[in-house]
Amino acid sequence: MQPSDVKALLESRIEDCQFYIQGEGCNFQVVAVGDVFDGLSPVKRQQMIYSALSDEIASGALHAISIKTYTPSQWETAPENVGV
């Protein structure tokens, strides 16, 4: 699986969110930015991403996923936003 594959899956399953994906094979780092995370706890935010990728995780196509989520206002000051 390629980062573009993971990005396409997430974009088709979670609306109004931007995704930045790095990694290869079955190990990926996901950074997600969207208003959809406003008011959600960090656990609920991660559950949303895991849920969107549950079939791929269950099949083994995705194995290790690191997730960081931000609202747009949080993203403005996030260290990961530098150079994106």
PDB file of N, CA and C in Angstrom:
ATOM      1  N   MET A   1       0.839  -1.177   0.000  1.00  0.00           N
ATOM      2  CA  MET A   1       0.000   0.000   0.000  1.00  0.00           C
ATOM      3  C   MET A   1       0.888   1.246   0.000  1.00  0.00           C
ATOM      4  N   GLN A   2       0.476   2.252  -0.717  1.00  0.00           N
ATOM      5  CA  GLN A   2       1.205   3.505  -0.823  1.00  0.00           C
ATOM      6  C   GLN A   2       0.496   4.603  -0.018  1.00  0.00           C
ATOM      7  N   PRO A   3       1.220   5.668   0.355  1.00  0.00           N
ATOM      8  CA  PRO A   3       0.570   6.772   1.065  1.00  0.00           C
ATOM      9  C   PRO A   3      -0.648   7.318   0.322  1.00  0.00           C
ATOM     10  N   SER A   4      -0.572   7.372  -1.008  1.00  0.00           N
ATOM     11  CA  SER A   4      -1.708   7.883  -1.786  1.00  0.00           C
ATOM     12  C   SER A   4      -2.931   6.982  -1.647  1.00  0.00           C
ATOM     13  N   ASP A   5      -2.711   5.671  -1.473  1.00  0.00           N
ATOM     14  CA  ASP A   5      -3.825   4.733  -1.267  1.00  0.00           C
ATOM     15  C   ASP A   5      -4.515   4.996   0.069  1.00  0.00           C
ATOM     16  N   VAL A   6      -3.711   5.189   1.104  1.00  0.00           N
ATOM     17  CA  VAL A   6      -4.260   5.458   2.433  1.00  0.00           C
ATOM     18  C   VAL A   6      -5.014   6.783   2.421  1.00  0.00           C
ATOM     19  N   LYS A   7      -4.437   7.784   1.775  1.00  0.00           N
ATOM     20  CA  LYS A   7      -5.082   9.098   1.682  1.00  0.00           C
ATOM     21  C   LYS A   7      -6.422   8.992   0.960  1.00  0.00           C
ATOM     22  N   ALA A   8      -6.459   8.269  -0.145  1.00  0.00           N
ATOM     23  CA  ALA A   8      -7.704   8.109  -0.902  1.00  0.00           C
ATOM     24  C   ALA A   8      -8.771   7.404  -0.072  1.00  0.00           C
ATOM     25  N   LEU A   9      -8.382   6.387   0.676  1.00  0.00           N
ATOM     26  CA  LEU A   9      -9.337   5.681   1.540  1.00  0.00           C
ATOM     27  C   LEU A   9      -9.924   6.625   2.587  1.00  0.00           C
ATOM     28  N   LEU A  10      -9.057   7.370   3.252  1.00  0.00           N
ATOM     29  CA  LEU A  10      -9.531   8.288   4.290  1.00  0.00           C
ATOM     30  C   LEU A  10     -10.406   9.389   3.710  1.00  0.00           C
ATOM     31  N   GLU A  11      -9.999   9.952   2.577  1.00  0.00           N
ATOM     32  CA  GLU A  11     -10.795  11.023   1.964  1.00  0.00           C
ATOM     33  C   GLU A  11     -12.172  10.526   1.551  1.00  0.00           C
ATOM     34  N   SER A  12     -12.277   9.273   1.164  1.00  0.00           N
ATOM     35  CA  SER A  12     -13.576   8.740   0.750  1.00  0.00           C
ATOM     36  C   SER A  12     -14.465   8.387   1.943  1.00  0.00           C
ATOM     37  N   ARG A  13     -13.871   8.297   3.132  1.00  0.00           N
ATOM     38  CA  ARG A  13     -14.627   7.842   4.300  1.00  0.00           C
ATOM     39  C   ARG A  13     -14.836   8.896   5.378  1.00  0.00           C
ATOM     40  N   ILE A  14     -14.049   9.964   5.347  1.00  0.00           N
ATOM     41  CA  ILE A  14     -14.198  11.063   6.308  1.00  0.00           C
ATOM     42  C   ILE A  14     -14.238  12.357   5.511  1.00  0.00           C
ATOM     43  N   GLU A  15     -15.362  13.052   5.588  1.00  0.00           N
ATOM     44  CA  GLU A  15     -15.543  14.271   4.805  1.00  0.00           C
ATOM     45  C   GLU A  15     -14.925  15.482   5.494  1.00  0.00           C
ATOM     46  N   ASP A  16     -14.635  16.483   4.686  1.00  0.00           N
ATOM     47  CA  ASP A  16     -14.163  17.783   5.165  1.00  0.00           C
ATOM     48  C   ASP A  16     -12.936  17.681   6.060  1.00  0.00           C
ATOM     49  N   CYS A  17     -11.978  16.885   5.616  1.00  0.00           N
ATOM     50  CA  CYS A  17     -10.759  16.684   6.391  1.00  0.00           C
ATOM     51  C   CYS A  17      -9.583  16.610   5.414  1.00  0.00           C
ATOM     52  N   GLN A  18      -8.454  17.173   5.796  1.00  0.00           N
ATOM     53  CA  GLN A  18      -7.235  17.073   4.992  1.00  0.00           C
ATOM     54  C   GLN A  18      -6.335  16.019   5.633  1.00  0.00           C
ATOM     55  N   PHE A  19      -5.683  15.238   4.790  1.00  0.00           N
ATOM     56  CA  PHE A  19      -4.820  14.182   5.289  1.00  0.00           C
ATOM     57  C   PHE A  19      -3.420  14.322   4.723  1.00  0.00           C
ATOM     58  N   TYR A  20      -2.446  14.119   5.576  1.00  0.00           N
ATOM     59  CA  TYR A  20      -1.037  14.099   5.196  1.00  0.00           C
ATOM     60  C   TYR A  20      -0.509  12.737   5.627  1.00  0.00           C
ATOM     61  N   ILE A  21      -0.087  11.940   4.672  1.00  0.00           N
ATOM     62  CA  ILE A  21       0.293  10.555   4.933  1.00  0.00           C
ATOM     63  C   ILE A  21       1.761  10.345   4.583  1.00  0.00           C
ATOM     64  N   GLN A  22       2.474   9.670   5.466  1.00  0.00           N
ATOM     65  CA  GLN A  22       3.842   9.246   5.199  1.00  0.00           C
ATOM     66  C   GLN A  22       3.954   7.775   5.550  1.00  0.00           C
ATOM     67  N   GLY A  23       4.893   7.091   4.924  1.00  0.00           N
ATOM     68  CA  GLY A  23       5.132   5.695   5.243  1.00  0.00           C
ATOM     69  C   GLY A  23       5.164   4.849   3.995  1.00  0.00           C
ATOM     70  N   GLU A  24       5.233   3.539   4.210  1.00  0.00           N
ATOM     71  CA  GLU A  24       5.251   2.606   3.096  1.00  0.00           C
ATOM     72  C   GLU A  24       4.887   1.216   3.601  1.00  0.00           C
ATOM     73  N   GLY A  25       4.589   0.351   2.655  1.00  0.00           N
ATOM     74  CA  GLY A  25       4.227  -1.016   3.006  1.00  0.00           C
ATOM     75  C   GLY A  25       2.939  -1.047   3.800  1.00  0.00           C
ATOM     76  N   CYS A  26       3.041  -1.431   5.068  1.00  0.00           N
ATOM     77  CA  CYS A  26       1.850  -1.466   5.919  1.00  0.00           C
ATOM     78  C   CYS A  26       2.013  -0.588   7.156  1.00  0.00           C
ATOM     79  N   ASN A  27       3.030   0.284   7.160  1.00  0.00           N
ATOM     80  CA  ASN A  27       3.293   1.177   8.287  1.00  0.00           C
ATOM     81  C   ASN A  27       3.187   2.634   7.837  1.00  0.00           C
ATOM     82  N   PHE A  28       2.271   3.374   8.475  1.00  0.00           N
ATOM     83  CA  PHE A  28       2.011   4.738   8.037  1.00  0.00           C
ATOM     84  C   PHE A  28       1.829   5.694   9.204  1.00  0.00           C
ATOM     85  N   GLN A  29       2.163   6.962   8.921  1.00  0.00           N
ATOM     86  CA  GLN A  29       1.882   8.051   9.844  1.00  0.00           C
ATOM     87  C   GLN A  29       0.794   8.902   9.197  1.00  0.00           C
ATOM     88  N   VAL A  30      -0.285   9.109   9.928  1.00  0.00           N
ATOM     89  CA  VAL A  30      -1.426   9.869   9.428  1.00  0.00           C
ATOM     90  C   VAL A  30      -1.550  11.153  10.237  1.00  0.00           C
ATOM     91  N   VAL A  31      -1.572  12.281   9.541  1.00  0.00           N
ATOM     92  CA  VAL A  31      -1.907  13.560  10.152  1.00  0.00           C
ATOM     93  C   VAL A  31      -3.217  13.992   9.503  1.00  0.00           C
ATOM     94  N   ALA A  32      -4.230  14.222  10.335  1.00  0.00           N
ATOM     95  CA  ALA A  32      -5.551  14.596   9.846  1.00  0.00           C
ATOM     96  C   ALA A  32      -5.931  15.953  10.427  1.00  0.00           C
ATOM     97  N   VAL A  33      -6.449  16.822   9.562  1.00  0.00           N
ATOM     98  CA  VAL A  33      -6.821  18.177   9.964  1.00  0.00           C
ATOM     99  C   VAL A  33      -8.243  18.446   9.500  1.00  0.00           C
ATOM    100  N   GLY A  34      -9.125  18.778  10.442  1.00  0.00           N
ATOM    101  CA  GLY A  34     -10.497  19.089  10.047  1.00  0.00           C
ATOM    102  C   GLY A  34     -11.352  19.565  11.196  1.00  0.00           C
ATOM    103  N   ASP A  35     -12.390  20.304  10.849  1.00  0.00           N
ATOM    104  CA  ASP A  35     -13.351  20.761  11.849  1.00  0.00           C
ATOM    105  C   ASP A  35     -14.083  19.593  12.488  1.00  0.00           C
ATOM    106  N   VAL A  36     -14.077  18.450  11.834  1.00  0.00           N
ATOM    107  CA  VAL A  36     -14.752  17.263  12.337  1.00  0.00           C
ATOM    108  C   VAL A  36     -14.223  16.858  13.721  1.00  0.00           C
ATOM    109  N   PHE A  37     -12.997  17.271  14.053  1.00  0.00           N
ATOM    110  CA  PHE A  37     -12.394  16.906  15.338  1.00  0.00           C
ATOM    111  C   PHE A  37     -12.725  17.874  16.462  1.00  0.00           C
ATOM    112  N   ASP A  38     -13.350  18.996  16.133  1.00  0.00           N
ATOM    113  CA  ASP A  38     -13.677  20.005  17.133  1.00  0.00           C
ATOM    114  C   ASP A  38     -14.592  19.412  18.205  1.00  0.00           C
ATOM    115  N   GLY A  39     -14.186  19.540  19.454  1.00  0.00           N
ATOM    116  CA  GLY A  39     -14.993  19.062  20.570  1.00  0.00           C
ATOM    117  C   GLY A  39     -14.823  17.585  20.900  1.00  0.00           C
ATOM    118  N   LEU A  40     -14.034  16.871  20.118  1.00  0.00           N
ATOM    119  CA  LEU A  40     -13.811  15.448  20.385  1.00  0.00           C
ATOM    120  C   LEU A  40     -12.545  15.261  21.221  1.00  0.00           C
ATOM    121  N   SER A  41     -12.581  14.268  22.096  1.00  0.00           N
ATOM    122  CA  SER A  41     -11.396  13.933  22.882  1.00  0.00           C
ATOM    123  C   SER A  41     -10.342  13.314  21.961  1.00  0.00           C
ATOM    124  N   PRO A  42      -9.090  13.313  22.381  1.00  0.00           N
ATOM    125  CA  PRO A  42      -8.047  12.666  21.569  1.00  0.00           C
ATOM    126  C   PRO A  42      -8.368  11.205  21.249  1.00  0.00           C
ATOM    127  N   VAL A  43      -8.951  10.504  22.195  1.00  0.00           N
ATOM    128  CA  VAL A  43      -9.303   9.090  21.955  1.00  0.00           C
ATOM    129  C   VAL A  43     -10.377   8.981  20.883  1.00  0.00           C
ATOM    130  N   LYS A  44     -11.398   9.809  20.948  1.00  0.00           N
ATOM    131  CA  LYS A  44     -12.475   9.773  19.952  1.00  0.00           C
ATOM    132  C   LYS A  44     -11.945  10.131  18.562  1.00  0.00           C
ATOM    133  N   ARG A  45     -11.014  11.059  18.509  1.00  0.00           N
ATOM    134  CA  ARG A  45     -10.414  11.446  17.230  1.00  0.00           C
ATOM    135  C   ARG A  45      -9.685  10.252  16.607  1.00  0.00           C
ATOM    136  N   GLN A  46      -8.880   9.555  17.418  1.00  0.00           N
ATOM    137  CA  GLN A  46      -8.148   8.402  16.900  1.00  0.00           C
ATOM    138  C   GLN A  46      -9.102   7.281  16.509  1.00  0.00           C
ATOM    139  N   GLN A  47     -10.143   7.091  17.303  1.00  0.00           N
ATOM    140  CA  GLN A  47     -11.127   6.052  16.975  1.00  0.00           C
ATOM    141  C   GLN A  47     -11.779   6.322  15.624  1.00  0.00           C
ATOM    142  N   MET A  48     -11.995   7.586  15.299  1.00  0.00           N
ATOM    143  CA  MET A  48     -12.597   7.935  14.013  1.00  0.00           C
ATOM    144  C   MET A  48     -11.692   7.488  12.856  1.00  0.00           C
ATOM    145  N   ILE A  49     -10.401   7.724  12.993  1.00  0.00           N
ATOM    146  CA  ILE A  49      -9.454   7.333  11.941  1.00  0.00           C
ATOM    147  C   ILE A  49      -9.334   5.810  11.865  1.00  0.00           C
ATOM    148  N   TYR A  50      -9.180   5.168  13.011  1.00  0.00           N
ATOM    149  CA  TYR A  50      -9.092   3.704  13.028  1.00  0.00           C
ATOM    150  C   TYR A  50     -10.336   3.062  12.435  1.00  0.00           C
ATOM    151  N   SER A  51     -11.492   3.609  12.756  1.00  0.00           N
ATOM    152  CA  SER A  51     -12.751   3.073  12.232  1.00  0.00           C
ATOM    153  C   SER A  51     -12.798   3.175  10.710  1.00  0.00           C
ATOM    154  N   ALA A  52     -12.308   4.292  10.177  1.00  0.00           N
ATOM    155  CA  ALA A  52     -12.313   4.488   8.724  1.00  0.00           C
ATOM    156  C   ALA A  52     -11.394   3.500   8.016  1.00  0.00           C
ATOM    157  N   LEU A  53     -10.404   2.992   8.734  1.00  0.00           N
ATOM    158  CA  LEU A  53      -9.433   2.060   8.140  1.00  0.00           C
ATOM    159  C   LEU A  53      -9.569   0.637   8.685  1.00  0.00           C
ATOM    160  N   SER A  54     -10.676   0.353   9.346  1.00  0.00           N
ATOM    161  CA  SER A  54     -10.823  -0.932  10.038  1.00  0.00           C
ATOM    162  C   SER A  54     -10.715  -2.146   9.116  1.00  0.00           C
ATOM    163  N   ASP A  55     -11.273  -2.077   7.917  1.00  0.00           N
ATOM    164  CA  ASP A  55     -11.193  -3.220   7.000  1.00  0.00           C
ATOM    165  C   ASP A  55      -9.743  -3.498   6.600  1.00  0.00           C
ATOM    166  N   GLU A  56      -8.993  -2.442   6.317  1.00  0.00           N
ATOM    167  CA  GLU A  56      -7.604  -2.601   5.907  1.00  0.00           C
ATOM    168  C   GLU A  56      -6.728  -3.086   7.057  1.00  0.00           C
ATOM    169  N   ILE A  57      -7.039  -2.645   8.265  1.00  0.00           N
ATOM    170  CA  ILE A  57      -6.303  -3.115   9.440  1.00  0.00           C
ATOM    171  C   ILE A  57      -6.612  -4.600   9.680  1.00  0.00           C
ATOM    172  N   ALA A  58      -7.874  -4.965   9.587  1.00  0.00           N
ATOM    173  CA  ALA A  58      -8.282  -6.356   9.806  1.00  0.00           C
ATOM    174  C   ALA A  58      -7.661  -7.299   8.778  1.00  0.00           C
ATOM    175  N   SER A  59      -7.520  -6.831   7.553  1.00  0.00           N
ATOM    176  CA  SER A  59      -6.965  -7.680   6.492  1.00  0.00           C
ATOM    177  C   SER A  59      -5.441  -7.771   6.555  1.00  0.00           C
ATOM    178  N   GLY A  60      -4.815  -6.869   7.311  1.00  0.00           N
ATOM    179  CA  GLY A  60      -3.366  -6.842   7.388  1.00  0.00           C
ATOM    180  C   GLY A  60      -2.726  -5.930   6.362  1.00  0.00           C
ATOM    181  N   ALA A  61      -3.536  -5.313   5.488  1.00  0.00           N
ATOM    182  CA  ALA A  61      -2.990  -4.376   4.504  1.00  0.00           C
ATOM    183  C   ALA A  61      -2.344  -3.186   5.206  1.00  0.00           C
ATOM    184  N   LEU A  62      -2.891  -2.803   6.348  1.00  0.00           N
ATOM    185  CA  LEU A  62      -2.305  -1.784   7.211  1.00  0.00           C
ATOM    186  C   LEU A  62      -1.992  -2.444   8.541  1.00  0.00           C
ATOM    187  N   HIS A  63      -0.803  -2.188   9.044  1.00  0.00           N
ATOM    188  CA  HIS A  63      -0.411  -2.845  10.281  1.00  0.00           C
ATOM    189  C   HIS A  63      -0.156  -1.822  11.394  1.00  0.00           C
ATOM    190  N   ALA A  64       0.805  -0.977  11.187  1.00  0.00           N
ATOM    191  CA  ALA A  64       1.162   0.018  12.194  1.00  0.00           C
ATOM    192  C   ALA A  64       0.776   1.402  11.693  1.00  0.00           C
ATOM    193  N   ILE A  65      -0.068   2.076  12.480  1.00  0.00           N
ATOM    194  CA  ILE A  65      -0.528   3.407  12.091  1.00  0.00           C
ATOM    195  C   ILE A  65      -0.316   4.353  13.262  1.00  0.00           C
ATOM    196  N   SER A  66       0.374   5.432  12.991  1.00  0.00           N
ATOM    197  CA  SER A  66       0.549   6.512  13.951  1.00  0.00           C
ATOM    198  C   SER A  66      -0.401   7.627  13.518  1.00  0.00           C
ATOM    199  N   ILE A  67      -1.175   8.160  14.456  1.00  0.00           N
ATOM    200  CA  ILE A  67      -2.202   9.147  14.104  1.00  0.00           C
ATOM    201  C   ILE A  67      -2.033  10.415  14.938  1.00  0.00           C
ATOM    202  N   LYS A  68      -2.080  11.553  14.250  1.00  0.00           N
ATOM    203  CA  LYS A  68      -2.153  12.853  14.910  1.00  0.00           C
ATOM    204  C   LYS A  68      -3.320  13.597  14.268  1.00  0.00           C
ATOM    205  N   THR A  69      -4.169  14.173  15.100  1.00  0.00           N
ATOM    206  CA  THR A  69      -5.346  14.881  14.588  1.00  0.00           C
ATOM    207  C   THR A  69      -5.366  16.311  15.117  1.00  0.00           C
ATOM    208  N   TYR A  70      -5.869  17.199  14.271  1.00  0.00           N
ATOM    209  CA  TYR A  70      -5.917  18.621  14.617  1.00  0.00           C
ATOM    210  C   TYR A  70      -7.184  19.259  14.057  1.00  0.00           C
ATOM    211  N   THR A  71      -7.687  20.246  14.764  1.00  0.00           N
ATOM    212  CA  THR A  71      -8.665  21.146  14.166  1.00  0.00           C
ATOM    213  C   THR A  71      -7.861  22.131  13.331  1.00  0.00           C
ATOM    214  N   PRO A  72      -8.480  22.859  12.412  1.00  0.00           N
ATOM    215  CA  PRO A  72      -7.722  23.839  11.625  1.00  0.00           C
ATOM    216  C   PRO A  72      -6.978  24.863  12.490  1.00  0.00           C
ATOM    217  N   SER A  73      -7.591  25.326  13.577  1.00  0.00           N
ATOM    218  CA  SER A  73      -6.911  26.317  14.425  1.00  0.00           C
ATOM    219  C   SER A  73      -5.723  25.686  15.157  1.00  0.00           C
ATOM    220  N   GLN A  74      -5.829  24.426  15.554  1.00  0.00           N
ATOM    221  CA  GLN A  74      -4.704  23.738  16.184  1.00  0.00           C
ATOM    222  C   GLN A  74      -3.578  23.509  15.169  1.00  0.00           C
ATOM    223  N   TRP A  75      -3.968  23.237  13.931  1.00  0.00           N
ATOM    224  CA  TRP A  75      -2.990  22.952  12.879  1.00  0.00           C
ATOM    225  C   TRP A  75      -2.109  24.164  12.588  1.00  0.00           C
ATOM    226  N   GLU A  76      -2.666  25.361  12.735  1.00  0.00           N
ATOM    227  CA  GLU A  76      -1.900  26.576  12.458  1.00  0.00           C
ATOM    228  C   GLU A  76      -0.628  26.662  13.280  1.00  0.00           C
ATOM    229  N   THR A  77      -0.646  26.126  14.482  1.00  0.00           N
ATOM    230  CA  THR A  77       0.518  26.202  15.372  1.00  0.00           C
ATOM    231  C   THR A  77       1.187  24.847  15.601  1.00  0.00           C
ATOM    232  N   ALA A  78       0.774  23.821  14.878  1.00  0.00           N
ATOM    233  CA  ALA A  78       1.343  22.471  15.069  1.00  0.00           C
ATOM    234  C   ALA A  78       2.745  22.377  14.476  1.00  0.00           C
ATOM    235  N   PRO A  79       3.658  21.715  15.181  1.00  0.00           N
ATOM    236  CA  PRO A  79       5.024  21.553  14.654  1.00  0.00           C
ATOM    237  C   PRO A  79       5.058  20.821  13.327  1.00  0.00           C
ATOM    238  N   GLU A  80       4.125  19.884  13.100  1.00  0.00           N
ATOM    239  CA  GLU A  80       4.079  19.113  11.855  1.00  0.00           C
ATOM    240  C   GLU A  80       3.717  19.975  10.651  1.00  0.00           C
ATOM    241  N   ASN A  81       3.131  21.127  10.901  1.00  0.00           N
ATOM    242  CA  ASN A  81       2.671  22.005   9.833  1.00  0.00           C
ATOM    243  C   ASN A  81       3.834  22.744   9.170  1.00  0.00           C
ATOM    244  N   VAL A  82       4.973  22.766   9.781  1.00  0.00           N
ATOM    245  CA  VAL A  82       6.134  23.456   9.222  1.00  0.00           C
ATOM    246  C   VAL A  82       6.573  22.744   7.949  1.00  0.00           C
ATOM    247  N   GLY A  83       6.576  23.461   6.858  1.00  0.00           N
ATOM    248  CA  GLY A  83       7.029  22.908   5.597  1.00  0.00           C
ATOM    249  C   GLY A  83       6.028  22.063   4.838  1.00  0.00           C
ATOM    250  N   VAL A  84       4.793  22.006   5.316  1.00  0.00           N
ATOM    251  CA  VAL A  84       3.771  21.226   4.598  1.00  0.00           C
ATOM    252  C   VAL A  84       3.113  22.082   3.554  1.00  0.00           C
TER     253      VAL A  84
END
